[in-house]
Protein backbone atom coordinates (compact mmCIF):
# COMPACT_ATOMS: atom_id res chain seq x y z
CA MET A 1 192.96 93.29 163.34
CA VAL A 2 189.81 95.42 163.20
CA ALA A 3 187.63 95.31 166.32
CA VAL A 4 184.94 97.12 168.30
CA LEU A 5 185.82 98.27 171.81
CA GLU A 6 183.60 97.27 174.73
CA ARG A 7 183.76 98.16 178.42
CA ARG A 8 183.87 95.10 180.70
CA GLY A 9 184.09 96.30 184.27
CA ARG A 10 187.56 97.72 184.80
CA PHE A 11 188.79 96.44 181.44
CA MET A 12 188.39 97.57 177.87
CA THR A 13 188.01 94.64 175.49
CA ALA A 14 188.11 94.39 171.71
CA GLU A 15 185.67 92.21 169.78
CA PRO A 16 187.05 91.31 166.31
CA VAL A 17 184.66 92.45 163.58
CA PHE A 18 185.62 90.36 160.57
CA PRO A 19 186.28 86.62 160.49
CA PRO A 20 189.91 85.66 159.82
CA ARG A 21 190.66 85.58 156.10
CA ASP A 22 191.69 81.93 156.20
CA ALA A 23 188.34 81.07 157.79
CA GLN A 24 186.05 83.14 155.58
CA THR A 25 185.19 80.34 153.19
CA GLN A 26 184.39 78.02 156.08
CA GLN A 27 182.45 80.79 157.79
CA GLY A 28 180.36 81.24 154.65
CA ARG A 29 179.48 77.54 154.73
CA ARG A 30 178.91 77.24 158.48
CA GLY A 31 177.23 80.62 158.94
CA ARG A 32 179.50 81.72 161.79
CA SER A 33 183.02 82.93 162.36
CA ALA A 34 185.91 80.78 163.52
CA GLY A 35 187.76 83.86 164.75
CA PRO A 36 188.98 84.72 168.26
CA GLY A 37 186.72 86.05 170.98
CA ARG A 38 187.12 89.23 173.03
CA ILE A 39 190.67 90.49 173.57
CA VAL A 40 191.73 92.58 176.56
CA VAL A 41 193.13 95.96 175.52
CA ARG A 42 196.26 96.87 177.46
CA ALA A 43 197.14 100.43 178.35
CA GLY A 44 200.88 99.88 177.99
CA GLY A 45 202.14 101.35 174.73
CA ALA A 46 198.61 102.03 173.56
CA ARG A 47 198.68 105.73 172.90
CA GLY A 48 195.35 105.52 171.10
CA VAL A 49 193.52 104.03 174.10
CA VAL A 50 193.15 107.46 175.72
CA ARG A 51 191.22 108.70 172.69
CA ALA A 52 189.25 105.50 172.11
CA HIS A 53 185.87 104.84 173.72
CA ALA A 54 183.50 101.93 174.05
CA GLY A 55 181.70 101.36 170.78
CA ASP A 56 184.57 102.68 168.63
CA LEU A 57 185.73 100.77 165.57
CA VAL A 58 189.49 100.43 165.96
CA LEU A 59 192.57 98.86 164.45
CA ILE A 60 194.40 96.85 167.12
CA ARG A 61 197.78 95.19 167.31
CA LEU A 62 198.07 91.88 169.14
CA LEU A 63 200.78 91.92 171.81
CA PRO A 64 203.24 89.01 172.14
CA ARG A 65 202.80 86.02 174.43
CA GLY A 66 199.06 86.44 174.86
CA GLY A 67 199.44 89.91 176.31
CA GLY A 68 196.21 91.22 174.85
CA ALA A 69 196.20 94.06 172.32
CA SER A 70 196.88 97.76 171.92
CA VAL A 71 194.89 100.26 169.87
CA VAL A 72 196.76 101.45 166.78
CA ARG A 73 194.11 103.70 165.28
CA VAL A 74 190.49 104.73 165.82
CA LEU A 75 188.56 104.22 162.58
CA GLY A 76 185.15 105.54 163.62
CA ARG A 77 181.93 103.72 164.41
CA PRO A 78 180.82 100.29 163.15
CA ASP A 79 177.37 101.62 162.20
CA VAL A 80 178.84 104.14 159.72
CA ALA A 81 179.32 102.65 156.27
CA ALA A 82 182.48 104.56 155.34
CA ASP A 83 184.15 103.61 158.64
CA LEU A 84 183.33 99.92 158.30
CA LEU A 85 184.55 99.90 154.68
CA GLU A 86 187.82 101.44 155.86
CA GLY A 87 188.05 98.65 158.41
CA LEU A 88 187.37 96.04 155.73
CA MET A 89 190.23 97.33 153.58
CA LEU A 90 192.64 97.27 156.52
CA ASP A 91 191.44 93.80 157.50
CA ARG A 92 192.17 92.56 153.98
CA GLY A 93 195.76 93.77 154.18
CA LEU A 94 195.58 97.07 152.28
CA ARG A 95 198.11 99.63 153.45
CA ARG A 96 195.90 102.77 153.23
CA GLY A 97 198.94 104.93 152.68
CA PHE A 98 202.49 105.07 151.34
CA ASP A 99 205.88 105.31 153.00
CA ARG A 100 207.38 108.79 153.16
CA GLU A 101 210.14 107.86 150.71
CA VAL A 102 207.59 106.76 148.10
CA GLU A 103 205.41 109.84 148.64
CA SER A 104 208.43 112.12 148.32
CA GLU A 105 209.58 110.40 145.14
CA ALA A 106 206.08 110.71 143.64
CA ARG A 107 205.97 114.47 144.27
CA ALA A 108 209.46 114.91 142.85
CA ALA A 109 208.56 112.83 139.78
CA GLY A 110 205.64 115.12 138.98
CA GLU A 111 207.88 118.16 139.10
CA ARG A 112 210.64 116.44 137.13
CA VAL A 113 208.37 115.42 134.24
CA ARG A 114 206.78 118.90 134.10
CA HIS A 115 210.17 120.49 133.55
CA GLU A 116 212.01 117.86 131.54
CA GLN A 117 212.99 118.48 127.92
CA ARG A 118 211.93 115.10 126.55
CA ALA A 119 211.04 114.72 122.88
CA ARG A 120 207.25 114.91 122.72
CA ARG A 121 204.77 115.69 119.99
CA ASP A 122 202.81 118.80 120.93
CA LEU A 123 199.09 117.99 120.63
CA THR A 124 197.84 120.71 122.96
CA ALA A 125 195.95 122.41 120.11
CA LEU A 126 194.11 119.18 119.23
CA PRO A 127 190.54 119.10 120.66
CA THR A 128 190.64 116.46 123.38
CA PHE A 129 188.22 115.15 126.01
CA THR A 130 187.85 112.47 128.68
CA ILE A 131 184.77 110.33 129.42
CA ASP A 132 184.61 108.72 132.85
CA PRO A 133 182.16 108.05 135.69
CA ALA A 134 180.97 111.23 137.40
CA SER A 135 182.76 110.11 140.59
CA ALA A 136 186.14 109.43 138.92
CA ARG A 137 189.22 111.11 140.34
CA ASP A 138 191.99 109.69 138.14
CA PHE A 139 191.85 109.96 134.38
CA ASP A 140 194.07 107.47 132.53
CA ASP A 141 192.78 108.11 129.02
CA ALA A 142 191.63 110.92 126.77
CA ILE A 143 190.27 110.92 123.22
CA SER A 144 190.65 113.03 120.12
CA ALA A 145 188.96 112.30 116.79
CA GLU A 146 188.33 113.81 113.38
CA ARG A 147 186.98 112.89 109.98
CA THR A 148 189.53 113.12 107.18
CA ALA A 149 188.96 114.52 103.71
CA GLN A 150 189.08 110.95 102.38
CA GLY A 151 186.17 109.86 104.61
CA SER A 152 188.18 107.87 107.13
CA ILE A 153 188.25 108.64 110.84
CA ARG A 154 191.42 109.41 112.72
CA ILE A 155 191.40 108.50 116.41
CA TRP A 156 193.97 109.55 118.99
CA VAL A 157 193.92 107.56 122.21
CA HIS A 158 196.02 109.45 124.75
CA ILE A 159 197.16 107.50 127.80
CA ALA A 160 198.86 109.01 130.84
CA ASP A 161 202.65 108.63 130.54
CA VAL A 162 203.14 106.88 133.87
CA ALA A 163 206.45 105.33 132.73
CA ALA A 164 207.96 108.83 132.57
CA HIS A 165 207.10 109.34 136.25
CA VAL A 166 207.85 105.84 137.59
CA ARG A 167 211.43 104.85 136.91
CA GLU A 168 212.03 101.12 136.80
CA GLY A 169 213.66 99.78 139.94
CA SER A 170 212.99 102.90 142.03
CA PRO A 171 211.21 102.70 145.43
CA LEU A 172 208.11 104.09 143.72
CA ASP A 173 208.28 101.39 141.05
CA ARG A 174 208.83 98.63 143.60
CA GLU A 175 205.79 99.75 145.61
CA ALA A 176 203.62 99.97 142.48
CA ARG A 177 204.77 96.50 141.50
CA ARG A 178 204.00 95.16 144.99
CA ARG A 179 200.46 96.54 144.87
CA ALA A 180 200.03 95.69 141.15
CA THR A 181 196.55 97.24 141.00
CA SER A 182 194.36 99.89 142.55
CA VAL A 183 191.45 98.64 144.66
CA TYR A 184 188.17 100.53 144.35
CA VAL A 185 185.53 100.26 147.07
CA PRO A 186 182.41 102.41 147.49
CA GLY A 187 183.53 105.90 148.42
CA ALA A 188 187.26 105.09 148.63
CA VAL A 189 190.23 103.78 146.71
CA GLU A 190 193.52 102.10 147.60
CA PRO A 191 195.62 103.49 144.73
CA MET A 192 198.52 101.71 143.12
CA LEU A 193 200.34 105.05 142.91
CA PRO A 194 200.41 107.89 145.46
CA HIS A 195 197.76 110.57 145.02
CA ALA A 196 200.44 113.06 143.91
CA LEU A 197 200.58 111.00 140.71
CA SER A 198 197.28 109.11 140.44
CA SER A 199 195.04 112.11 141.11
CA ASP A 200 197.34 114.90 139.98
CA ALA A 201 200.50 114.73 137.90
CA CYS A 202 199.51 111.66 135.83
CA SER A 203 195.79 112.40 135.68
CA LEU A 204 194.60 113.86 132.37
CA MET A 205 192.55 116.63 133.97
CA PRO A 206 191.00 119.40 131.86
CA ASP A 207 192.80 122.66 131.07
CA VAL A 208 196.26 121.51 132.14
CA GLU A 209 199.12 120.18 130.04
CA ARG A 210 199.92 116.54 130.65
CA ALA A 211 202.52 114.06 129.42
CA ALA A 212 200.92 111.20 127.50
CA VAL A 213 201.65 108.25 125.24
CA THR A 214 199.43 108.48 122.17
CA VAL A 215 198.14 105.71 119.92
CA GLU A 216 197.06 107.28 116.63
CA LEU A 217 194.82 105.12 114.46
CA GLU A 218 193.26 105.85 111.08
CA LEU A 219 190.11 103.78 110.55
CA ASP A 220 188.40 102.99 107.30
CA GLY A 221 185.21 101.64 108.78
CA ALA A 222 186.53 99.19 111.37
CA GLU A 223 189.81 98.50 109.55
CA VAL A 224 192.97 100.12 110.86
CA VAL A 225 194.74 101.50 107.77
CA SER A 226 197.56 103.26 109.62
CA ARG A 227 198.87 103.48 113.15
CA ALA A 228 201.49 105.48 115.03
CA PHE A 229 202.80 105.50 118.59
CA TYR A 230 204.64 108.33 120.30
CA ARG A 231 205.11 110.38 123.44
CA SER A 232 202.96 113.49 123.43
CA LEU A 233 201.92 116.59 125.30
CA ILE A 234 198.16 117.08 125.50
CA ARG A 235 195.60 119.34 127.13
CA SER A 236 192.08 118.06 127.71
CA ASP A 237 189.36 120.54 126.77
CA ALA A 238 186.52 118.86 128.65
CA ARG A 239 185.93 116.35 131.41
CA LEU A 240 182.77 114.54 130.30
CA ASP A 241 180.90 111.84 132.24
CA TYR A 242 178.94 108.89 130.88
CA GLU A 243 175.52 110.30 131.75
CA GLN A 244 176.32 113.59 130.02
CA VAL A 245 177.48 111.86 126.84
CA ASP A 246 174.40 109.63 126.80
CA ARG A 247 172.21 112.74 127.00
CA VAL A 248 174.08 114.16 124.02
CA PHE A 249 173.58 110.92 122.07
CA ALA A 250 169.87 110.92 122.97
CA GLY A 251 169.45 114.52 121.76
CA ALA A 252 168.55 115.74 125.25
CA GLN A 253 171.65 117.93 125.52
CA SER A 254 173.69 119.78 122.94
CA ALA A 255 177.35 118.99 122.43
CA GLY A 256 179.72 121.76 123.37
CA GLU A 257 182.72 123.13 121.55
CA PRO A 258 185.38 122.20 120.76
CA TRP A 259 184.52 118.59 121.60
CA GLY A 260 181.17 118.20 119.80
CA ALA A 261 182.49 117.24 116.35
CA PRO A 262 185.29 115.01 117.71
CA LEU A 263 182.75 113.18 119.89
CA ALA A 264 180.54 112.54 116.86
CA ALA A 265 183.54 111.16 114.92
CA ALA A 266 184.55 108.95 117.86
CA ARG A 267 180.95 107.69 118.08
CA ALA A 268 180.96 106.66 114.43
CA ALA A 269 184.30 104.87 114.82
CA ALA A 270 183.10 103.02 117.92
CA GLN A 271 179.92 101.90 116.15
CA ALA A 272 181.96 100.46 113.29
CA LEU A 273 184.25 98.66 115.74
CA GLN A 274 181.26 97.25 117.62
CA GLU A 275 179.69 95.91 114.44
CA ARG A 276 182.95 94.17 113.56
CA ARG A 277 183.18 92.64 117.04
CA GLU A 278 179.63 91.35 116.75
CA ARG A 279 180.39 89.80 113.34
CA SER A 280 183.54 88.16 114.75
CA GLY A 281 181.56 86.33 117.42
CA ALA A 282 183.01 88.18 120.41
CA LEU A 283 181.19 87.74 123.70
CA ALA A 284 178.23 90.01 124.32
CA VAL A 285 177.99 90.23 128.12
CA ASP A 286 176.49 93.27 129.82
CA SER A 287 178.47 94.16 132.93
CA ARG A 288 176.42 95.66 135.76
CA GLU A 289 178.21 97.68 138.39
CA PRO A 290 176.63 99.26 141.48
CA GLU A 291 176.98 102.97 142.15
CA PHE A 292 176.76 104.35 145.69
CA GLU A 293 175.95 107.79 146.98
CA PHE A 294 177.26 108.87 150.42
CA ASP A 295 176.41 111.78 152.66
CA PRO A 296 179.18 113.91 154.24
CA HIS A 297 179.08 111.73 157.37
CA GLY A 298 179.90 108.48 155.53
CA ASN A 299 176.37 107.05 155.40
CA VAL A 300 175.08 105.42 152.22
CA LEU A 301 172.25 107.51 150.80
CA ALA A 302 171.44 105.42 147.75
CA VAL A 303 172.63 102.54 145.62
CA ARG A 304 171.71 101.98 142.03
CA GLY A 305 172.65 99.36 139.50
CA ARG A 306 174.13 100.57 136.23
CA SER A 307 174.21 98.77 132.91
CA GLN A 308 176.55 99.61 130.08
CA THR A 309 175.25 102.35 127.82
CA GLU A 310 176.45 103.64 124.47
CA SER A 311 178.89 106.05 126.13
CA HIS A 312 180.50 103.14 128.02
CA ARG A 313 180.73 101.09 124.85
CA LEU A 314 182.31 104.00 122.95
CA ILE A 315 185.23 104.13 125.38
CA GLU A 316 185.41 100.35 125.58
CA HIS A 317 185.75 99.86 121.82
CA LEU A 318 188.33 102.61 121.39
CA MET A 319 190.42 101.29 124.30
CA ILE A 320 190.24 97.75 122.90
CA ALA A 321 191.43 99.05 119.51
CA ALA A 322 194.38 100.80 121.16
CA ASN A 323 195.29 97.73 123.22
CA GLU A 324 195.17 95.51 120.14
CA ALA A 325 197.34 97.94 118.17
CA VAL A 326 200.00 98.02 120.90
CA ALA A 327 199.96 94.24 121.38
CA GLY A 328 200.21 93.70 117.63
CA LEU A 329 203.29 95.90 117.31
CA LEU A 330 205.02 94.28 120.29
CA SER A 331 204.26 90.81 118.98
CA GLN A 332 205.56 91.64 115.49
CA ARG A 333 208.80 93.06 116.86
CA GLY A 334 209.29 90.38 119.50
CA VAL A 335 209.51 92.86 122.37
CA PRO A 336 208.99 91.19 125.76
CA CYS A 337 205.76 92.31 127.46
CA LEU A 338 202.77 91.02 129.40
CA TYR A 339 199.85 89.97 127.23
CA ARG A 340 196.31 89.74 128.51
CA VAL A 341 195.45 86.12 127.85
CA HIS A 342 191.97 84.62 127.77
CA GLU A 343 192.14 81.02 126.64
CA ARG A 344 189.39 79.29 124.71
CA PRO A 345 186.71 77.60 126.81
CA ASP A 346 186.61 73.87 127.38
CA PRO A 347 184.08 72.17 125.07
CA GLU A 348 182.55 70.39 128.08
CA ARG A 349 181.69 73.72 129.68
CA VAL A 350 180.08 74.99 126.49
CA GLU A 351 178.03 71.80 126.24
CA ARG A 352 176.83 72.31 129.81
CA LEU A 353 175.99 75.95 129.08
CA ALA A 354 173.89 74.89 126.10
CA ALA A 355 172.01 72.41 128.30
CA GLN A 356 171.46 75.06 130.97
CA LEU A 357 170.10 77.58 128.47
CA ALA A 358 167.88 74.97 126.84
CA SER A 359 166.41 74.05 130.23
CA LEU A 360 165.36 77.71 130.56
CA GLU A 361 163.90 77.76 127.02
CA VAL A 362 166.62 80.04 125.66
CA PRO A 363 167.33 79.18 122.00
CA THR A 364 170.74 77.57 121.48
CA PRO A 365 172.70 76.68 118.33
CA PRO A 366 173.33 73.06 117.31
CA LEU A 367 176.52 71.60 118.77
CA PRO A 368 179.04 69.59 116.75
CA ASP A 369 180.21 66.23 118.03
CA PRO A 370 183.10 66.21 118.71
CA MET A 371 183.65 69.89 119.48
CA SER A 372 187.04 71.60 119.21
CA SER A 373 188.13 74.46 121.46
CA THR A 374 187.92 76.83 118.49
CA GLN A 375 184.33 75.77 117.85
CA ALA A 376 183.60 76.08 121.57
CA ALA A 377 184.75 79.72 121.55
CA GLU A 378 182.65 80.50 118.46
CA LEU A 379 179.57 78.82 119.92
CA LEU A 380 179.97 80.60 123.24
CA GLY A 381 180.00 83.94 121.43
CA GLU A 382 176.86 82.99 119.52
CA MET A 383 175.13 81.86 122.72
CA SER A 384 175.96 85.18 124.40
CA VAL A 385 174.27 87.02 121.51
CA ARG A 386 171.20 84.78 121.77
CA VAL A 387 171.05 85.41 125.51
CA GLU A 388 171.21 89.15 124.87
CA ARG A 389 168.31 88.91 122.43
CA HIS A 390 166.32 86.70 124.83
CA VAL A 391 166.77 89.25 127.63
CA LEU A 392 165.67 92.10 125.37
CA ARG A 393 162.63 90.12 124.27
CA THR A 394 161.52 88.92 127.71
CA GLY A 395 162.76 91.81 129.84
CA ARG A 396 164.34 89.54 132.47
CA GLY A 397 167.12 87.07 133.16
CA ALA A 398 170.08 89.33 132.36
CA ALA A 399 172.02 88.77 135.61
CA ALA A 400 171.33 85.04 135.85
CA LEU A 401 172.02 84.19 132.22
CA ASN A 402 175.12 86.35 131.94
CA SER A 403 176.40 84.65 135.09
CA LEU A 404 175.99 81.26 133.40
CA ILE A 405 178.02 82.52 130.44
CA LEU A 406 180.78 83.91 132.63
CA ARG A 407 181.07 80.65 134.58
CA SER A 408 181.61 78.85 131.28
CA LEU A 409 184.74 80.89 130.58
CA LYS A 410 188.28 80.39 131.70
CA GLN A 411 189.73 83.17 133.81
CA ALA A 412 191.83 85.78 132.03
CA TYR A 413 195.40 86.32 133.22
CA TYR A 414 198.71 87.99 132.38
CA SER A 415 201.48 86.13 130.60
CA PRO A 416 204.55 86.88 128.45
CA LYS A 417 203.17 84.29 125.99
CA ASN A 418 200.69 85.57 123.43
CA LEU A 419 197.85 83.03 123.51
CA GLY A 420 195.13 85.39 122.31
CA HIS A 421 191.96 86.67 123.93
CA ALA A 422 189.03 84.34 123.24
CA GLY A 423 186.36 86.58 124.77
CA LEU A 424 187.27 89.46 122.47
CA ARG A 425 188.09 87.15 119.56
CA SER A 426 191.42 88.95 119.42
CA PRO A 427 194.59 87.07 118.33
CA CYS A 428 196.82 89.52 120.20
CA TYR A 429 195.83 91.62 123.18
CA CYS A 430 197.44 93.47 126.08
CA HIS A 431 196.47 95.98 128.76
CA PHE A 432 197.94 99.38 127.92
CA THR A 433 195.23 101.95 128.61
CA SER A 434 195.13 102.08 132.45
CA PRO A 435 198.69 102.54 133.74
CA ILE A 436 197.58 104.66 136.70
CA ARG A 437 195.78 101.68 138.21
CA ARG A 438 197.42 98.52 136.73
CA TYR A 439 201.08 97.58 136.79
CA PRO A 440 200.95 95.34 133.67
CA ASP A 441 199.98 98.47 131.72
CA ILE A 442 203.18 100.19 132.87
CA VAL A 443 205.12 97.16 131.63
CA CYS A 444 203.45 97.47 128.22
CA HIS A 445 204.20 101.22 128.12
CA ARG A 446 207.88 100.52 128.68
CA ALA A 447 207.83 97.80 126.06
CA LEU A 448 206.11 100.03 123.48
CA LEU A 449 208.36 103.00 124.13
CA SER A 450 211.43 100.80 123.78
CA ALA A 451 210.12 99.62 120.41
CA VAL A 452 209.45 103.12 119.01
CA GLU A 453 212.59 104.79 120.39
CA GLY A 454 210.69 106.45 123.19
CA GLY A 455 213.58 106.37 125.63
CA GLU A 456 212.55 103.45 127.87
CA PRO A 457 214.39 100.13 128.24
CA ALA A 458 212.52 96.99 127.25
CA PRO A 459 211.23 94.80 130.09
CA ARG A 460 213.49 91.92 131.05
CA ALA A 461 211.99 88.75 129.64
CA GLY A 462 213.25 86.56 132.49
CA GLU A 463 211.12 88.45 135.04
CA LEU A 464 207.83 88.45 133.18
CA VAL A 465 206.56 84.95 133.99
CA GLU A 466 206.70 85.61 137.72
CA LEU A 467 205.38 89.15 137.29
CA GLY A 468 202.44 87.85 135.25
CA VAL A 469 201.51 85.34 137.96
CA TRP A 470 201.82 87.98 140.69
CA SER A 471 199.75 90.56 138.80
CA SER A 472 197.03 87.99 138.12
CA GLU A 473 196.90 87.01 141.80
CA ARG A 474 196.72 90.61 142.95
CA GLU A 475 193.94 91.28 140.46
CA ARG A 476 191.88 88.42 141.89
CA ASP A 477 192.54 89.61 145.46
CA ALA A 478 191.40 93.12 144.54
CA MET A 479 188.22 91.82 142.93
CA ALA A 480 187.42 89.84 146.10
CA VAL A 481 187.83 92.96 148.27
CA GLU A 482 185.73 95.06 145.89
CA HIS A 483 182.96 92.47 145.80
CA SER A 484 182.88 92.23 149.61
CA ALA A 485 182.86 96.02 149.95
CA ASP A 486 179.96 96.35 147.49
CA ASP A 487 178.00 93.81 149.54
CA VAL A 488 178.68 95.73 152.77
CA ALA A 489 177.65 99.07 151.25
CA ARG A 490 174.49 97.52 149.78
CA CYS A 491 173.55 96.23 153.22
CA PHE A 492 173.89 99.66 154.79
CA ALA A 493 171.68 101.17 152.08
CA LEU A 494 169.11 98.39 152.49
CA ARG A 495 169.06 98.66 156.28
CA ALA A 496 168.29 102.38 156.02
CA LEU A 497 165.64 101.71 153.39
CA ILE A 498 163.66 99.20 155.44
CA GLU A 499 164.02 100.99 158.76
CA SER A 500 160.71 102.81 158.39
CA ASP A 501 158.84 99.79 156.98
CA PRO A 502 160.43 96.42 157.79
CA GLU A 503 157.49 94.52 156.24
CA GLN A 504 157.65 96.07 152.79
CA SER A 505 157.95 93.75 149.80
CA PHE A 506 160.32 94.11 146.87
CA ALA A 507 160.07 92.95 143.29
CA GLY A 508 163.00 90.67 142.58
CA GLU A 509 164.46 88.21 140.14
CA VAL A 510 166.18 84.89 140.75
CA THR A 511 169.86 85.23 139.83
CA GLY A 512 171.32 82.01 141.26
CA LEU A 513 170.28 78.67 142.71
CA ILE A 514 171.81 76.21 145.15
CA SER A 515 170.16 73.28 146.86
CA ALA A 516 169.64 75.43 149.97
CA GLY A 517 167.78 78.22 148.23
CA ALA A 518 167.65 81.02 145.69
CA PHE A 519 169.77 84.14 145.32
CA VAL A 520 167.53 87.07 144.47
CA ALA A 521 168.34 90.52 143.08
CA PHE A 522 165.74 93.09 144.02
CA SER A 523 165.20 96.80 143.94
CA VAL A 524 162.90 99.65 144.80
CA HIS A 525 162.26 102.92 143.07
CA GLN A 526 164.51 105.65 144.43
CA PRO A 527 164.30 109.39 143.78
CA ARG A 528 166.34 110.56 140.80
CA VAL A 529 166.69 107.00 139.54
CA GLN A 530 165.03 105.69 136.39
CA ALA A 531 163.90 102.33 137.76
CA GLN A 532 162.95 100.93 134.40
CA SER A 533 166.49 101.39 133.04
CA SER A 534 168.41 100.39 136.16
CA PRO A 535 169.17 96.79 137.12
CA PRO A 536 168.33 95.68 140.67
CA ALA A 537 170.44 97.29 143.38
CA PHE A 538 170.22 94.70 146.19
CA GLU A 539 170.90 91.00 146.55
CA GLY A 540 169.91 88.40 149.11
CA MET A 541 169.36 84.72 149.85
CA LEU A 542 165.90 83.13 150.06
CA PRO A 543 166.26 79.74 151.83
CA VAL A 544 164.10 76.89 150.58
CA ARG A 545 163.17 76.08 154.18
CA LYS A 546 161.15 79.32 154.15
CA LEU A 547 159.21 78.20 151.10
CA GLY A 548 156.12 76.09 151.43
CA SER A 549 153.33 75.56 148.97
CA PRO A 550 152.29 78.80 147.24
CA ASP A 551 148.93 78.84 149.07
CA ALA A 552 150.49 78.27 152.48
CA SER A 553 153.12 80.95 151.91
CA GLU A 554 150.46 83.40 150.84
CA ARG A 555 148.35 82.69 153.94
CA ALA A 556 151.40 83.13 156.17
CA GLY A 557 152.26 86.45 154.58
CA HIS A 558 148.63 87.63 154.92
CA ARG A 559 148.56 86.80 158.61
CA GLU A 560 151.87 88.57 159.18
CA ARG A 561 150.50 91.74 157.61
CA ARG A 562 147.48 92.00 159.89
CA GLY A 563 149.42 93.96 162.47
CA ARG A 564 152.47 93.98 164.63
CA HIS A 565 150.57 92.55 167.64
CA GLU A 566 149.32 89.51 165.70
CA ARG A 567 152.56 88.37 164.12
CA GLN A 568 152.06 84.66 164.65
CA PRO A 569 152.54 83.48 161.05
CA ALA A 570 151.11 80.13 160.09
CA MET A 571 153.84 77.61 159.40
CA PRO A 572 153.94 76.85 155.69
CA GLN A 573 153.54 73.25 154.71
CA ARG A 574 156.84 71.44 154.39
CA GLU A 575 158.02 71.13 150.82
CA TRP A 576 161.09 69.30 149.53
CA TRP A 577 162.92 71.02 146.74
CA GLU A 578 165.19 69.25 144.27
CA MET A 579 167.66 70.81 141.84
CA ASN A 580 167.57 69.77 138.19
CA PRO A 581 170.80 68.33 136.70
CA GLU A 582 171.60 71.64 134.95
CA GLY A 583 171.42 73.63 138.19
CA THR A 584 168.87 76.04 136.73
CA ILE A 585 165.57 74.97 138.34
CA LEU A 586 164.48 74.08 141.87
CA ARG A 587 161.30 71.97 141.80
CA GLY A 588 159.01 71.12 144.69
CA GLU A 589 158.42 67.36 144.98
CA ARG A 590 154.97 67.66 146.57
CA THR A 591 153.43 70.55 144.63
CA GLY A 592 155.49 70.56 141.44
CA ALA A 593 156.13 74.29 141.96
CA ALA A 594 159.32 75.52 140.27
CA ILE A 595 161.83 78.29 140.87
CA ARG A 596 163.88 79.05 137.75
CA LEU A 597 166.82 81.28 137.06
CA GLY A 598 165.44 84.60 135.86
CA ASP A 599 162.01 84.11 137.44
CA PRO A 600 160.34 87.19 138.91
CA ILE A 601 159.73 86.80 142.62
CA GLU A 602 158.47 88.99 145.45
CA VAL A 603 160.54 89.03 148.65
CA ARG A 604 160.79 90.65 152.06
CA VAL A 605 163.91 91.26 154.12
CA ALA A 606 164.33 89.04 157.16
CA ARG A 607 167.82 90.08 158.30
CA VAL A 608 170.64 92.37 157.19
CA ASP A 609 174.20 91.58 158.31
CA THR A 610 176.20 94.65 157.34
CA VAL A 611 179.58 93.29 158.53
CA ARG A 612 179.40 90.20 156.33
CA GLY A 613 177.41 91.85 153.56
CA ARG A 614 174.64 89.25 153.78
CA VAL A 615 170.88 89.60 153.37
CA ASP A 616 168.41 86.89 154.38
CA LEU A 617 165.05 87.00 152.61
CA LEU A 618 161.51 85.74 153.11
CA PRO A 619 158.79 85.23 150.52
CA GLY A 620 156.90 88.45 149.86
CA GLY A 621 153.20 88.85 149.70
């Protein structure tokens, strides 16, 4: 349990920081924790107590029979973002380390693979590069590309050969299987594999030879005319980041050698693949991930929202092509593996989505009656494109409308049954390109290598149903931790931002509605950030009880701004707000005022709860 130490007379007590995991949903509804109160810290067996002081953030172990607790580890201070995020990961059950046996095996595996005489195709002379976030530490994938004399484009997708390092059934393999996925939080990672592999021996770093599994595709436009799969030896010539590549594409920076021409060929191939995806009716949903900047002391300096750019889409399309090629081969040959399944949406959900979009005056296609699941998938893809165009035309609503689309989908999962991927409009899909951070990718590597005489045994079919369920559960758990950690880090950044001016207003946009109020994404211009190209960085809740008539709210805000000594705001007139049947508009019964998804709105910050990652808002003015 993670707690903060307090001095109570002669005793040291520990106050739990996070609500118990089984009470978090209830806590979110009730607004308070159902967890235990202060716990007396015992000196017996508590070696860390000597070093711990009042105010420290600590990991404690509860002693049997109500005997209090002992300090296991001092984590830092609860007002330091990095320390609290470390506490969050421990509270959610992450190990934050590996057993000595696993660490030792990982180091030995790196040495073994470096010196083994395994049959590999030597591609070290082939110009190769990686494209990743600037903060990335592990590099699963690298790219090579060239134009052929016939006008086609040959793409090599090189993926770290994790299967060569992680032998099935070994302690290292069992631990990777138990974790199933890496967990990424701001400024830290809980890796699936020890750092000796994830950040070193398996990572496709520049200027070093690395073992890889290569998918070689020849593309005529977007059509794959030939494909090959083999173990390889590569050497990356350049470690590029997304911002750098976008500058090259924009003409603001010149492409270097030897990666300039291959990057141009890869760009052309990705554009052709994107056009085919758009024609097929695949979903067009812009994912927006926050990026955090920390100082050396663990404090959050800045947070910025990032949308997908052309450099992101280049890697996305090439990785999708490689995943489809691997899944297609395994399906044709009947080799057991884990497919990435995304079933078609329910027609009822698509009908509701159409009604929601129509209520917000977003154009929607006509719906057939009755509607099949195949038609539902096609219509959902078309609606996502119309939403994308609406957002480009109006300049707002991206987060709210994309959220509506995502809630209309079924959740993707892993299964040994190939049921297709509806979101990608792919009849056969698997995860192959991230084996450093996902266990199902290692399974697909072993399956592929068994099919192409790569020296690995095929996965055992009888184990894959259970493994698919486990991997899917672990993926959802990791996403929950990552979401909570993002919220906590955002709160630290926001608290620092408003410290000098608590009354400042922010331009926001309504991203979600419930009967109790509106969720608002908001931002402020930060140095070195292009505000016009960055989505909002912060999120908060604006309760309807704080909303009166527009005039009353404006008068209240004006009175609050007169000065700190006159902060006696006029109470806004009581307004009753009612949600429309589609859940997209809150409307005031007395005034007829409306709050819609995607509406611009000005807000102020009332309260920041860093531990729970919650922000309470007030109307701005």
